[in-house]
Amino acid sequence: MFFTLKTKIWLTILSIVLMFTFFTLIYFPAQQGNFLYKNYNNEVQNLANTVALGVQIALDDQNYKAVQTAMEYVKGNPGLKFVSLVQKDTVWDATHTKPDIKEMVFKTFPDNAQPLLYAPANNDSIIIKRAPFNDKMMSGEIVLGFTTKEIEQSKKNIRTTSLIVSAFIFLIGLFIGLLLSRKISKPVIALRNAARKVGEGDLTQRVQAYSNDEIGDLTNAFNTMVIDLSKTRNELRTSNRSLLESNAALSNTLNELKATQAQLIQSEKMASLGELTAGIAHEIQNPLNFVNNFSEVSIELAEELKEALQQLADTTQLHESITTIADDLIQNQQKINYHGKRADAIVKGMLQHSRKSTGQKELTDINQLADEYLRLSYHGLRAKDKTFNAAIQTYFDENLQKINVIPQDIGRVLLNLYTNAFYAVTKRKKALQSPDKSARVQPESKTYEPTVTVTTKNIFTATPGADSPSVTGIEIHVRDNGNGISAEHVSKIFQPFFTTKPTGEGTGLGLSLSYDIITKGHGGTLTVQSQEGEYAEFIITLPVG
């Protein structure tokens, strides 16, 4: 059940007032009445004892007038009803076995009073008290009867006083309730209403302090808090505006970075395309030479055939000559066709590499793809640098599983790894041949042979229940015997824009793009193993399927 603060204050005050009213109207008068009755009973008993003592002394002196005087001792008491001298005698029965006490009123004062030996039942308007005395002449008791009118009047006065005090306390309680309600509940309610409006966003709210007590301190603290909140909100708005401006600037910078990255990626592709173009030019040159040579020979053979036909005679020798020339023409045309198709394949490969990837995976012979791009990379570098030369070793698994890949993307990865490998071995060779090298290193330049090794193999995985392990993927290893990669650089080798090449010789995107193509585009892995000064080996793993 919910009670407001005002209600709680009133309930508390009313509870205190009711408790005090109960005490003043019921408990206190009852206790005072009992106290008055008790004192009155004791007082009457003392009077009875005093009269009994005076009577006994008078009887001892045989002064009967003094007996009367002793009984009249209490006559001045306004509550006196009577005082009686009761004689008590012991009477035995006829068998003298059972005594009986006989009481007889000997004298009563006032004379016209009606004495009572015992207080009547259910009547508290009179108090009867007895005090015994014993003398040689007489044994008995003094019986006093007092009215309780004064006691009842005193009790009534107490109840009246208690009622007046209770009414006064009730009025004081009402006044205190109103005062507390105004002093406590009003500022608290004002604080509550102001807090609600502040919660709704209105920071202009202020609460007036009505006192210098804790509630006043709370009001001042609330006002200070609202002022601080208002300042903070203004600062936040200013910060938000600054952040929005910063975000806009960052967004523009990000867009520029993305555009620059796209340009760098395109530059990387164009650089690899340039290397491909040089290699393709060299590769195309050979089949074109064959085409030109065999076409010229075919022309000469055709002329000889024409002359032979003009000298046609039914001779065996001429028949054999014509047959030989025809056979040579067929062979030449076959060679022309073969090398023409080879040139066509090279051009198609170049176009495929230069085109934007479609993202469609195709069942691909990795051995053929690796060999093709290896030759293109080699001849491309040869075309740029006539002094370049390196040994190529290939260990292609003849049983290599064909897998579904995006040929253009895997070709770019292989071209990048080949180019880096040829660059590494060339750099080491030039360093060994540099004249400023020490004599200790010079002998190595005579024995060092730049070598790039490409290996492919299947990855076998044992399958429970199968007779033999199944092919679950393939590996491509590209190893060079260059200077290797330092341990410090191995951890950064696949980060975008990281390169160890001099400025202008690399963008630092090749390995980063290759890593994304292998891991994100094909679900494989691209790792590197290296020993500085010995070798570097990049390992591609691609899953089957």
Protein backbone atom coordinates (compact mmCIF):
# COMPACT_ATOMS: atom_id res chain seq x y z
CA MET A 1 0.00 0.00 0.00
CA PHE A 2 1.39 3.40 -0.96
CA PHE A 3 1.24 6.30 1.51
CA THR A 4 2.37 9.80 0.70
CA LEU A 5 4.81 11.56 2.99
CA LYS A 6 2.03 13.86 4.15
CA THR A 7 -0.14 10.89 5.08
CA LYS A 8 2.75 9.27 6.93
CA ILE A 9 3.33 12.45 8.95
CA TRP A 10 -0.36 12.65 9.90
CA LEU A 11 -0.53 8.96 10.77
CA THR A 12 2.53 9.32 13.01
CA ILE A 13 1.18 12.37 14.80
CA LEU A 14 -2.31 10.86 15.22
CA SER A 15 -0.78 7.67 16.59
CA ILE A 16 1.17 9.66 19.19
CA VAL A 17 -1.89 11.77 20.06
CA LEU A 18 -4.14 8.71 20.42
CA MET A 19 -1.60 6.95 22.60
CA PHE A 20 -1.29 10.00 24.85
CA THR A 21 -5.09 10.41 24.87
CA PHE A 22 -5.49 6.79 25.93
CA PHE A 23 -2.99 7.39 28.72
CA THR A 24 -4.63 10.61 29.95
CA LEU A 25 -8.29 9.55 29.56
CA ILE A 26 -8.21 5.90 30.62
CA TYR A 27 -4.94 4.70 32.08
CA PHE A 28 -4.02 7.72 34.19
CA PRO A 29 -7.55 8.23 35.75
CA ALA A 30 -7.80 4.52 36.52
CA GLN A 31 -4.42 4.50 38.21
CA GLN A 32 -5.22 7.70 40.11
CA GLY A 33 -8.59 6.24 41.23
CA ASN A 34 -6.93 3.07 42.48
CA PHE A 35 -4.29 5.15 44.24
CA LEU A 36 -6.98 7.32 45.94
CA TYR A 37 -8.97 4.26 47.04
CA LYS A 38 -5.89 2.63 48.43
CA ASN A 39 -4.82 5.73 50.36
CA TYR A 40 -8.37 6.27 51.58
CA ASN A 41 -8.60 2.68 52.80
CA ASN A 42 -5.28 3.04 54.61
CA GLU A 43 -6.35 6.34 56.14
CA VAL A 44 -9.67 4.89 57.40
CA GLN A 45 -7.86 1.85 58.78
CA ASN A 46 -5.38 4.08 60.63
CA LEU A 47 -8.25 6.05 62.09
CA ALA A 48 -9.91 2.81 63.23
CA ASN A 49 -6.66 1.67 64.80
CA THR A 50 -6.27 5.03 66.60
CA VAL A 51 -9.80 4.93 67.97
CA ALA A 52 -9.36 1.30 69.07
CA LEU A 53 -6.15 2.20 70.92
CA GLY A 54 -7.87 5.16 72.67
CA VAL A 55 -10.79 2.96 73.68
CA GLN A 56 -8.47 0.28 75.05
CA ILE A 57 -6.54 2.86 77.10
CA ALA A 58 -9.75 4.35 78.43
CA LEU A 59 -11.05 0.89 79.40
CA ASP A 60 -7.77 0.07 81.11
CA ASP A 61 -8.22 3.24 83.18
CA GLN A 62 -11.90 2.45 83.60
CA ASN A 63 -12.58 5.93 82.25
CA TYR A 64 -15.83 5.51 80.35
CA LYS A 65 -16.02 9.14 79.45
CA ALA A 66 -12.69 8.80 77.73
CA VAL A 67 -14.20 5.95 75.73
CA GLN A 68 -16.76 8.38 74.40
CA THR A 69 -14.07 10.94 73.72
CA ALA A 70 -11.98 8.39 71.80
CA MET A 71 -14.96 7.48 69.64
CA GLU A 72 -15.67 11.16 68.97
CA TYR A 73 -12.05 11.63 67.79
CA VAL A 74 -13.10 11.16 64.15
CA LYS A 75 -16.28 13.19 64.28
CA GLY A 76 -14.67 16.11 62.49
CA ASN A 77 -13.95 13.99 59.40
CA PRO A 78 -16.48 14.94 56.67
CA GLY A 79 -16.58 11.45 55.23
CA LEU A 80 -17.59 9.78 58.52
CA LYS A 81 -20.78 7.79 58.45
CA PHE A 82 -20.52 6.13 61.86
CA VAL A 83 -18.15 4.74 64.46
CA SER A 84 -19.31 1.77 66.56
CA LEU A 85 -17.91 -0.07 69.53
CA VAL A 86 -18.67 -3.74 69.06
CA GLN A 87 -18.43 -6.18 72.02
CA LYS A 88 -17.35 -9.69 71.13
CA ASP A 89 -18.20 -12.70 73.38
CA THR A 90 -17.43 -16.35 72.95
CA VAL A 91 -20.53 -18.59 73.37
CA TRP A 92 -20.14 -22.37 73.62
CA ASP A 93 -22.74 -24.83 72.49
CA ALA A 94 -24.48 -27.26 74.81
CA THR A 95 -21.72 -29.81 74.50
CA HIS A 96 -19.00 -27.20 75.04
CA THR A 97 -17.23 -28.42 71.91
CA LYS A 98 -17.99 -25.69 69.36
CA PRO A 99 -17.48 -22.02 70.21
CA ASP A 100 -19.39 -19.21 68.52
CA ILE A 101 -18.46 -15.53 68.45
CA LYS A 102 -21.28 -13.19 69.23
CA GLU A 103 -20.97 -9.54 68.28
CA MET A 104 -23.09 -6.81 69.83
CA VAL A 105 -23.01 -3.11 69.09
CA PHE A 106 -22.30 -1.55 72.46
CA LYS A 107 -22.22 2.06 71.40
CA THR A 108 -22.48 4.07 68.15
CA PHE A 109 -21.52 7.63 67.26
CA PRO A 110 -23.38 9.64 66.13
CA ASP A 111 -26.27 8.32 68.08
CA ASN A 112 -28.66 8.43 65.14
CA ALA A 113 -26.32 6.64 62.78
CA GLN A 114 -27.22 3.25 61.38
CA PRO A 115 -24.15 1.07 62.01
CA LEU A 116 -22.98 -1.63 59.66
CA LEU A 117 -20.66 -4.33 60.85
CA TYR A 118 -19.62 -5.34 57.32
CA ALA A 119 -19.52 -3.50 53.97
CA PRO A 120 -22.50 -4.44 51.77
CA ALA A 121 -21.73 -6.42 48.61
CA ASN A 122 -21.53 -4.57 45.25
CA ASN A 123 -21.58 -1.25 47.02
CA ASP A 124 -18.47 0.85 46.84
CA SER A 125 -20.10 4.00 48.20
CA ILE A 126 -19.01 3.15 51.78
CA ILE A 127 -15.82 1.79 53.30
CA ILE A 128 -15.98 -0.33 56.51
CA LYS A 129 -12.80 -0.79 58.56
CA ARG A 130 -12.40 -2.72 61.85
CA ALA A 131 -9.73 -2.38 64.54
CA PRO A 132 -9.69 -4.91 67.47
CA PHE A 133 -8.98 -4.10 71.09
CA ASN A 134 -8.70 -6.37 74.14
CA ASP A 135 -9.16 -5.43 77.75
CA LYS A 136 -9.72 -7.32 80.97
CA MET A 137 -13.08 -5.81 81.21
CA MET A 138 -14.12 -6.15 77.57
CA SER A 139 -12.98 -7.50 74.15
CA GLY A 140 -14.23 -6.12 70.90
CA GLU A 141 -13.59 -4.05 67.81
CA ILE A 142 -13.97 -0.49 66.64
CA VAL A 143 -15.91 -0.38 63.33
CA LEU A 144 -15.56 2.76 61.20
CA GLY A 145 -17.80 3.57 58.24
CA PHE A 146 -16.71 6.25 55.74
CA THR A 147 -18.48 7.42 52.62
CA THR A 148 -16.59 7.47 49.22
CA LYS A 149 -18.26 10.60 47.85
CA GLU A 150 -15.05 12.60 48.09
CA ILE A 151 -13.16 9.86 46.32
CA GLU A 152 -15.72 9.73 43.52
CA GLN A 153 -15.64 13.50 43.23
CA SER A 154 -11.85 13.43 43.03
CA LYS A 155 -12.01 10.77 40.33
CA LYS A 156 -14.51 12.86 38.41
CA ASN A 157 -12.25 15.88 38.70
CA ILE A 158 -9.33 13.78 37.44
CA ARG A 159 -11.34 12.57 34.43
CA THR A 160 -12.41 16.13 33.65
CA THR A 161 -8.85 17.35 33.90
CA SER A 162 -7.64 14.46 31.72
CA LEU A 163 -10.28 15.25 29.12
CA ILE A 164 -9.21 18.90 29.04
CA VAL A 165 -5.54 17.91 28.79
CA SER A 166 -6.34 15.39 26.01
CA ALA A 167 -8.26 17.98 24.05
CA PHE A 168 -5.38 20.41 24.49
CA ILE A 169 -2.88 17.76 23.39
CA PHE A 170 -5.08 16.89 20.40
CA LEU A 171 -5.14 20.52 19.35
CA ILE A 172 -1.39 20.77 19.80
CA GLY A 173 -1.03 17.59 17.70
CA LEU A 174 -3.13 19.12 14.93
CA PHE A 175 -1.03 22.25 15.04
CA ILE A 176 2.22 20.23 14.97
CA GLY A 177 0.82 18.10 12.12
CA LEU A 178 0.01 21.16 10.07
CA LEU A 179 3.38 22.69 10.86
CA LEU A 180 5.31 19.52 9.96
CA SER A 181 3.19 19.03 6.87
CA ARG A 182 4.13 22.47 5.67
CA LYS A 183 7.74 22.27 6.79
CA ILE A 184 8.45 18.76 5.52
CA SER A 185 5.90 17.52 3.00
CA LYS A 186 5.55 20.76 1.05
CA PRO A 187 9.26 21.16 0.17
CA VAL A 188 9.58 17.40 -0.41
CA ILE A 189 6.59 17.44 -2.79
CA ALA A 190 8.10 20.47 -4.53
CA LEU A 191 11.38 18.54 -4.87
CA ARG A 192 9.50 15.52 -6.25
CA ASN A 193 7.65 17.55 -8.86
CA ALA A 194 10.82 19.37 -9.87
CA ALA A 195 12.72 16.07 -10.10
CA ARG A 196 10.03 14.66 -12.42
CA LYS A 197 10.30 17.66 -14.72
CA VAL A 198 14.09 17.42 -14.68
CA GLY A 199 13.73 13.76 -15.61
CA GLU A 200 11.60 14.86 -18.56
CA GLY A 201 14.43 17.15 -19.70
CA ASP A 202 13.43 20.50 -18.19
CA LEU A 203 16.65 21.72 -16.56
CA THR A 204 15.24 25.18 -15.80
CA GLN A 205 13.54 23.88 -12.64
CA ARG A 206 14.55 25.42 -9.31
CA VAL A 207 13.09 24.77 -5.83
CA GLN A 208 12.84 27.47 -3.16
CA ALA A 209 14.46 26.63 0.17
CA TYR A 210 12.03 27.29 3.06
CA SER A 211 14.39 26.45 5.92
CA ASN A 212 18.02 26.08 6.89
CA ASP A 213 17.72 22.49 8.09
CA GLU A 214 18.50 19.23 6.27
CA ILE A 215 15.57 19.73 3.87
CA GLY A 216 16.90 23.15 3.01
CA ASP A 217 20.33 21.62 2.40
CA LEU A 218 18.69 18.97 0.21
CA THR A 219 16.89 21.70 -1.75
CA ASN A 220 20.11 23.64 -2.28
CA ALA A 221 21.90 20.43 -3.31
CA PHE A 222 19.10 19.70 -5.79
CA ASN A 223 19.36 23.16 -7.32
CA THR A 224 23.15 22.81 -7.57
CA MET A 225 22.73 19.41 -9.21
CA VAL A 226 20.30 20.79 -11.79
CA ILE A 227 22.67 23.66 -12.57
CA ASP A 228 25.55 21.20 -13.01
CA LEU A 229 23.35 18.99 -15.20
CA SER A 230 22.45 21.97 -17.35
CA LYS A 231 26.11 22.87 -17.75
CA THR A 232 26.99 19.26 -18.50
CA ARG A 233 24.20 18.99 -21.09
CA ASN A 234 25.43 22.15 -22.80
CA GLU A 235 28.96 20.78 -22.78
CA LEU A 236 27.66 17.48 -24.17
CA ARG A 237 25.82 19.28 -26.93
CA THR A 238 28.98 21.17 -27.78
CA SER A 239 30.94 17.91 -27.68
CA ASN A 240 28.30 16.21 -29.83
CA ARG A 241 28.55 18.95 -32.40
CA SER A 242 32.33 18.60 -32.36
CA LEU A 243 31.98 14.84 -32.64
CA LEU A 244 29.56 15.16 -35.55
CA GLU A 245 31.99 17.46 -37.29
CA SER A 246 34.85 15.08 -36.50
CA ASN A 247 32.77 12.12 -37.71
CA ALA A 248 32.02 13.94 -40.95
CA ALA A 249 35.71 14.70 -41.38
CA LEU A 250 36.60 11.11 -40.52
CA SER A 251 33.98 9.86 -42.95
CA ASN A 252 35.45 11.98 -45.70
CA THR A 253 38.94 10.80 -44.77
CA LEU A 254 37.73 7.20 -44.75
CA ASN A 255 36.18 7.61 -48.17
CA GLU A 256 39.40 9.14 -49.42
CA LEU A 257 41.36 6.26 -47.85
CA LYS A 258 39.06 3.73 -49.50
CA ALA A 259 39.48 5.48 -52.84
CA THR A 260 43.25 5.58 -52.33
CA GLN A 261 43.25 1.92 -51.32
CA ALA A 262 41.24 1.06 -54.42
CA GLN A 263 43.72 3.00 -56.51
CA LEU A 264 46.63 1.24 -54.81
CA ILE A 265 45.01 -2.14 -55.38
CA GLN A 266 44.46 -1.24 -59.02
CA SER A 267 48.06 -0.05 -59.20
CA GLU A 268 49.18 -3.37 -57.75
CA LYS A 269 47.10 -5.19 -60.34
CA MET A 270 48.46 -3.02 -63.12
CA ALA A 271 52.00 -3.59 -61.89
CA SER A 272 51.44 -7.35 -62.01
CA LEU A 273 49.76 -6.89 -65.39
CA GLY A 274 52.88 -5.08 -66.61
CA GLU A 275 55.04 -7.96 -65.48
CA LEU A 276 52.63 -10.37 -67.19
CA THR A 277 52.72 -8.33 -70.38
CA ALA A 278 56.49 -8.55 -70.58
CA GLY A 279 56.39 -12.29 -69.94
CA ILE A 280 53.57 -12.81 -72.38
CA ALA A 281 55.42 -10.87 -75.06
CA HIS A 282 58.36 -13.25 -74.62
CA GLU A 283 56.09 -16.30 -74.53
CA ILE A 284 54.12 -15.24 -77.59
CA GLN A 285 57.32 -14.50 -79.49
CA ASN A 286 58.31 -18.19 -79.61
CA PRO A 287 55.05 -19.54 -81.11
CA LEU A 288 54.90 -16.60 -83.49
CA ASN A 289 58.44 -17.43 -84.67
CA PHE A 290 57.29 -20.97 -85.30
CA VAL A 291 54.22 -19.72 -87.15
CA ASN A 292 56.30 -17.38 -89.32
CA ASN A 293 59.00 -19.97 -90.03
CA PHE A 294 56.64 -22.80 -90.82
CA SER A 295 54.44 -20.53 -92.93
CA GLU A 296 57.49 -19.57 -95.04
CA VAL A 297 58.54 -23.20 -95.40
CA SER A 298 54.98 -24.10 -96.32
CA ILE A 299 55.03 -21.45 -99.05
CA GLU A 300 58.27 -22.91 -100.48
CA LEU A 301 56.82 -26.39 -100.27
CA ALA A 302 53.69 -25.23 -102.05
CA GLU A 303 55.81 -23.75 -104.87
CA GLU A 304 57.76 -26.99 -105.18
CA LEU A 305 54.50 -28.87 -105.30
CA LYS A 306 53.31 -26.54 -108.05
CA GLU A 307 56.46 -27.20 -110.08
CA ALA A 308 56.13 -30.90 -109.50
CA LEU A 309 52.58 -30.81 -110.75
CA GLN A 310 53.70 -29.00 -113.91
CA GLN A 311 56.22 -31.75 -114.57
CA LEU A 312 53.65 -34.37 -113.75
CA ALA A 313 54.54 -37.70 -115.22
CA ASP A 314 53.57 -41.19 -114.48
CA THR A 315 56.68 -41.93 -112.53
CA THR A 316 57.07 -43.38 -109.11
CA GLN A 317 59.79 -40.90 -108.17
CA LEU A 318 57.56 -37.90 -108.86
CA HIS A 319 54.72 -39.48 -106.90
CA GLU A 320 56.95 -40.00 -103.90
CA SER A 321 58.21 -36.41 -104.17
CA ILE A 322 54.68 -35.02 -104.19
CA THR A 323 53.72 -37.24 -101.26
CA THR A 324 56.72 -36.07 -99.26
CA ILE A 325 55.93 -32.41 -99.95
CA ALA A 326 52.29 -32.94 -98.94
CA ASP A 327 53.35 -34.65 -95.72
CA ASP A 328 55.68 -31.75 -94.90
CA LEU A 329 52.88 -29.27 -95.59
CA ILE A 330 50.56 -31.19 -93.21
CA GLN A 331 53.22 -31.19 -90.50
CA ASN A 332 53.89 -27.50 -90.95
CA GLN A 333 50.21 -26.68 -90.77
CA GLN A 334 49.89 -28.78 -87.61
CA LYS A 335 52.80 -26.94 -86.01
CA ILE A 336 51.38 -23.62 -87.12
CA ASN A 337 48.04 -24.63 -85.57
CA TYR A 338 49.70 -25.80 -82.34
CA HIS A 339 51.72 -22.65 -81.80
CA GLY A 340 48.84 -20.45 -82.83
CA LYS A 341 46.68 -22.08 -80.18
CA ARG A 342 49.50 -21.65 -77.69
CA ALA A 343 49.68 -17.92 -78.44
CA ASP A 344 45.90 -17.76 -78.16
CA ALA A 345 45.99 -19.43 -74.76
CA ILE A 346 48.62 -16.99 -73.52
CA VAL A 347 46.60 -13.99 -74.67
CA LYS A 348 43.46 -15.43 -73.07
CA GLY A 349 45.36 -15.95 -69.81
CA MET A 350 46.54 -12.36 -69.92
CA LEU A 351 43.00 -11.12 -70.52
CA GLN A 352 41.69 -13.34 -67.77
CA HIS A 353 44.23 -11.90 -65.32
CA SER A 354 43.52 -8.32 -66.30
CA ARG A 355 39.72 -8.69 -66.09
CA LYS A 356 37.88 -8.10 -62.83
CA SER A 357 37.23 -11.35 -61.01
CA THR A 358 33.72 -12.71 -61.49
CA GLY A 359 33.85 -14.49 -58.15
CA GLN A 360 32.77 -17.75 -59.78
CA LYS A 361 34.80 -20.79 -58.81
CA GLU A 362 35.87 -23.24 -61.50
CA LEU A 363 37.35 -26.71 -61.39
CA THR A 364 41.02 -25.85 -61.98
CA ASP A 365 44.25 -27.73 -62.60
CA ILE A 366 46.52 -26.07 -60.06
CA ASN A 367 49.68 -27.59 -61.59
CA GLN A 368 48.94 -25.98 -64.95
CA LEU A 369 48.00 -22.67 -63.31
CA ALA A 370 51.15 -22.63 -61.14
CA ASP A 371 53.42 -23.50 -64.09
CA GLU A 372 51.85 -20.94 -66.41
CA TYR A 373 52.20 -18.04 -63.97
CA LEU A 374 55.71 -19.16 -62.99
CA ARG A 375 56.90 -18.87 -66.60
CA LEU A 376 55.06 -15.57 -67.09
CA SER A 377 56.62 -14.10 -63.96
CA TYR A 378 60.10 -15.27 -64.91
CA HIS A 379 59.99 -13.89 -68.46
CA GLY A 380 58.39 -10.68 -67.24
CA LEU A 381 61.36 -10.03 -64.96
CA ARG A 382 63.74 -11.03 -67.75
CA ALA A 383 62.13 -8.49 -70.03
CA LYS A 384 62.64 -5.70 -67.44
CA ASP A 385 66.16 -6.74 -66.44
CA LYS A 386 68.29 -8.55 -68.98
CA THR A 387 70.83 -9.45 -66.25
CA PHE A 388 68.18 -11.29 -64.26
CA ASN A 389 68.57 -15.04 -64.10
CA ALA A 390 67.41 -17.68 -61.64
CA ALA A 391 67.04 -21.42 -61.52
CA ILE A 392 63.50 -22.77 -61.38
CA GLN A 393 62.69 -26.09 -59.78
CA THR A 394 59.20 -27.53 -59.94
CA TYR A 395 57.90 -30.57 -58.12
CA PHE A 396 54.33 -30.89 -59.27
CA ASP A 397 52.34 -33.83 -57.94
CA GLU A 398 51.05 -35.64 -61.03
CA ASN A 399 48.07 -36.89 -59.05
CA LEU A 400 47.19 -33.44 -57.71
CA GLN A 401 43.47 -33.13 -57.10
CA LYS A 402 41.64 -30.55 -59.20
CA ILE A 403 39.78 -28.11 -56.98
CA ASN A 404 37.20 -25.37 -57.35
CA VAL A 405 38.87 -21.97 -57.16
CA ILE A 406 38.66 -18.55 -58.78
CA PRO A 407 41.53 -18.88 -61.31
CA GLN A 408 42.14 -15.14 -61.69
CA ASP A 409 42.49 -14.65 -57.93
CA ILE A 410 44.74 -17.66 -57.35
CA GLY A 411 46.82 -16.56 -60.37
CA ARG A 412 47.32 -13.13 -58.76
CA VAL A 413 48.42 -14.76 -55.50
CA LEU A 414 50.91 -17.04 -57.28
CA LEU A 415 52.24 -14.18 -59.41
CA ASN A 416 52.80 -12.09 -56.29
CA LEU A 417 54.64 -14.91 -54.49
CA TYR A 418 56.77 -15.69 -57.58
CA THR A 419 57.67 -12.04 -58.08
CA ASN A 420 58.65 -11.67 -54.41
CA ALA A 421 60.73 -14.86 -54.58
CA PHE A 422 62.59 -13.75 -57.74
CA TYR A 423 63.11 -10.31 -56.14
CA ALA A 424 64.58 -11.91 -52.99
CA VAL A 425 67.10 -14.13 -54.82
CA THR A 426 68.11 -11.30 -57.16
CA LYS A 427 68.65 -8.97 -54.21
CA ARG A 428 70.85 -11.52 -52.46
CA LYS A 429 72.88 -12.20 -55.61
CA LYS A 430 73.47 -8.49 -56.19
CA ALA A 431 74.44 -8.04 -52.56
CA LEU A 432 77.00 -10.84 -52.81
CA GLN A 433 78.44 -9.32 -55.97
CA SER A 434 78.68 -5.84 -54.46
CA PRO A 435 82.35 -4.72 -54.29
CA ASP A 436 82.03 -3.30 -50.80
CA LYS A 437 81.41 -6.75 -49.31
CA SER A 438 84.12 -8.21 -47.11
CA ALA A 439 86.44 -10.95 -48.33
CA ARG A 440 84.69 -13.35 -45.98
CA VAL A 441 81.49 -13.15 -47.97
CA GLN A 442 82.95 -12.90 -51.46
CA PRO A 443 83.53 -16.67 -52.02
CA GLU A 444 79.79 -17.30 -51.58
CA SER A 445 79.03 -15.20 -54.66
CA LYS A 446 80.78 -17.79 -56.79
CA THR A 447 78.80 -20.74 -55.42
CA TYR A 448 75.43 -19.05 -54.82
CA GLU A 449 72.77 -19.89 -57.39
CA PRO A 450 69.45 -18.03 -57.15
CA THR A 451 66.76 -20.72 -57.02
CA VAL A 452 62.99 -20.61 -56.76
CA THR A 453 61.26 -23.91 -56.00
CA VAL A 454 57.56 -24.57 -56.52
CA THR A 455 55.98 -27.71 -55.05
CA THR A 456 52.42 -28.99 -55.10
CA LYS A 457 51.00 -31.95 -53.27
CA ASN A 458 47.79 -33.43 -52.00
CA ILE A 459 46.74 -33.31 -48.33
CA PHE A 460 45.49 -36.65 -47.10
CA THR A 461 43.27 -37.11 -44.06
CA ALA A 462 42.29 -40.43 -42.53
CA THR A 463 38.53 -40.96 -42.49
CA PRO A 464 37.01 -43.33 -39.91
CA GLY A 465 35.74 -46.48 -41.62
CA ALA A 466 37.56 -45.79 -44.88
CA ASP A 467 40.22 -48.19 -46.24
CA SER A 468 42.59 -45.39 -47.18
CA PRO A 469 42.95 -41.68 -46.37
CA SER A 470 41.10 -39.27 -48.62
CA VAL A 471 42.27 -36.04 -50.22
CA THR A 472 40.89 -33.08 -48.25
CA GLY A 473 43.03 -30.32 -49.73
CA ILE A 474 46.17 -29.33 -51.60
CA GLU A 475 49.35 -27.46 -50.72
CA ILE A 476 51.40 -25.08 -52.85
CA HIS A 477 54.92 -24.26 -51.62
CA VAL A 478 56.88 -21.33 -53.05
CA ARG A 479 60.44 -21.32 -51.67
CA ASP A 480 63.40 -19.11 -52.45
CA ASN A 481 66.97 -19.17 -51.19
CA GLY A 482 67.19 -15.41 -50.74
CA ASN A 483 68.02 -13.58 -47.52
CA GLY A 484 64.86 -14.77 -45.77
CA ILE A 485 62.60 -12.73 -43.48
CA SER A 486 63.57 -11.52 -40.01
CA ALA A 487 61.54 -12.71 -37.03
CA GLU A 488 60.51 -9.11 -36.41
CA HIS A 489 59.01 -8.80 -39.89
CA VAL A 490 57.34 -12.24 -40.02
CA SER A 491 54.57 -11.10 -37.66
CA LYS A 492 53.85 -8.05 -39.85
CA ILE A 493 54.32 -9.57 -43.30
CA PHE A 494 50.58 -9.82 -44.07
CA GLN A 495 49.63 -6.38 -42.74
CA PRO A 496 48.38 -3.88 -45.35
CA PHE A 497 50.99 -1.42 -46.61
CA PHE A 498 53.85 -3.23 -44.86
CA THR A 499 56.85 -3.70 -47.12
CA THR A 500 60.60 -4.16 -46.78
CA LYS A 501 61.24 -2.95 -50.31
CA PRO A 502 62.68 0.51 -50.93
CA THR A 503 60.28 3.37 -51.60
CA GLY A 504 58.79 3.15 -55.06
CA GLU A 505 59.40 -0.58 -55.46
CA GLY A 506 56.37 -1.89 -53.59
CA THR A 507 52.99 -0.79 -52.21
CA GLY A 508 52.84 -3.30 -49.35
CA LEU A 509 49.46 -4.57 -50.54
CA GLY A 510 50.52 -7.69 -52.44
CA LEU A 511 50.77 -10.13 -49.53
CA SER A 512 47.83 -8.51 -47.72
CA LEU A 513 45.57 -9.00 -50.75
CA SER A 514 46.93 -12.50 -51.27
CA TYR A 515 46.17 -13.38 -47.64
CA ASP A 516 42.57 -12.14 -47.99
CA ILE A 517 42.09 -14.04 -51.27
CA ILE A 518 43.28 -17.32 -49.77
CA THR A 519 41.68 -17.08 -46.30
CA LYS A 520 38.47 -15.13 -46.92
CA GLY A 521 37.85 -15.96 -50.58
CA HIS A 522 38.76 -19.65 -50.53
CA GLY A 523 38.70 -20.75 -46.88
CA GLY A 524 42.37 -21.73 -46.97
CA THR A 525 45.54 -20.63 -45.20
CA LEU A 526 48.62 -18.67 -46.19
CA THR A 527 51.62 -19.07 -43.89
CA VAL A 528 55.31 -18.31 -44.06
CA GLN A 529 58.38 -20.14 -42.79
CA SER A 530 61.75 -18.45 -42.89
CA GLN A 531 65.27 -18.52 -41.58
CA GLU A 532 67.06 -15.23 -41.93
CA GLY A 533 69.98 -15.47 -44.32
CA GLU A 534 68.85 -18.89 -45.62
CA TYR A 535 65.41 -19.05 -47.17
CA ALA A 536 61.76 -18.00 -47.14
CA GLU A 537 58.90 -20.35 -47.94
CA PHE A 538 55.25 -19.44 -48.40
CA ILE A 539 52.72 -22.26 -48.02
CA ILE A 540 49.21 -22.11 -49.46
CA THR A 541 46.62 -24.66 -48.37
CA LEU A 542 43.31 -24.88 -50.22
CA PRO A 543 40.43 -27.19 -49.30
CA VAL A 544 38.90 -29.59 -51.80
CA GLY A 545 35.33 -28.80 -52.76
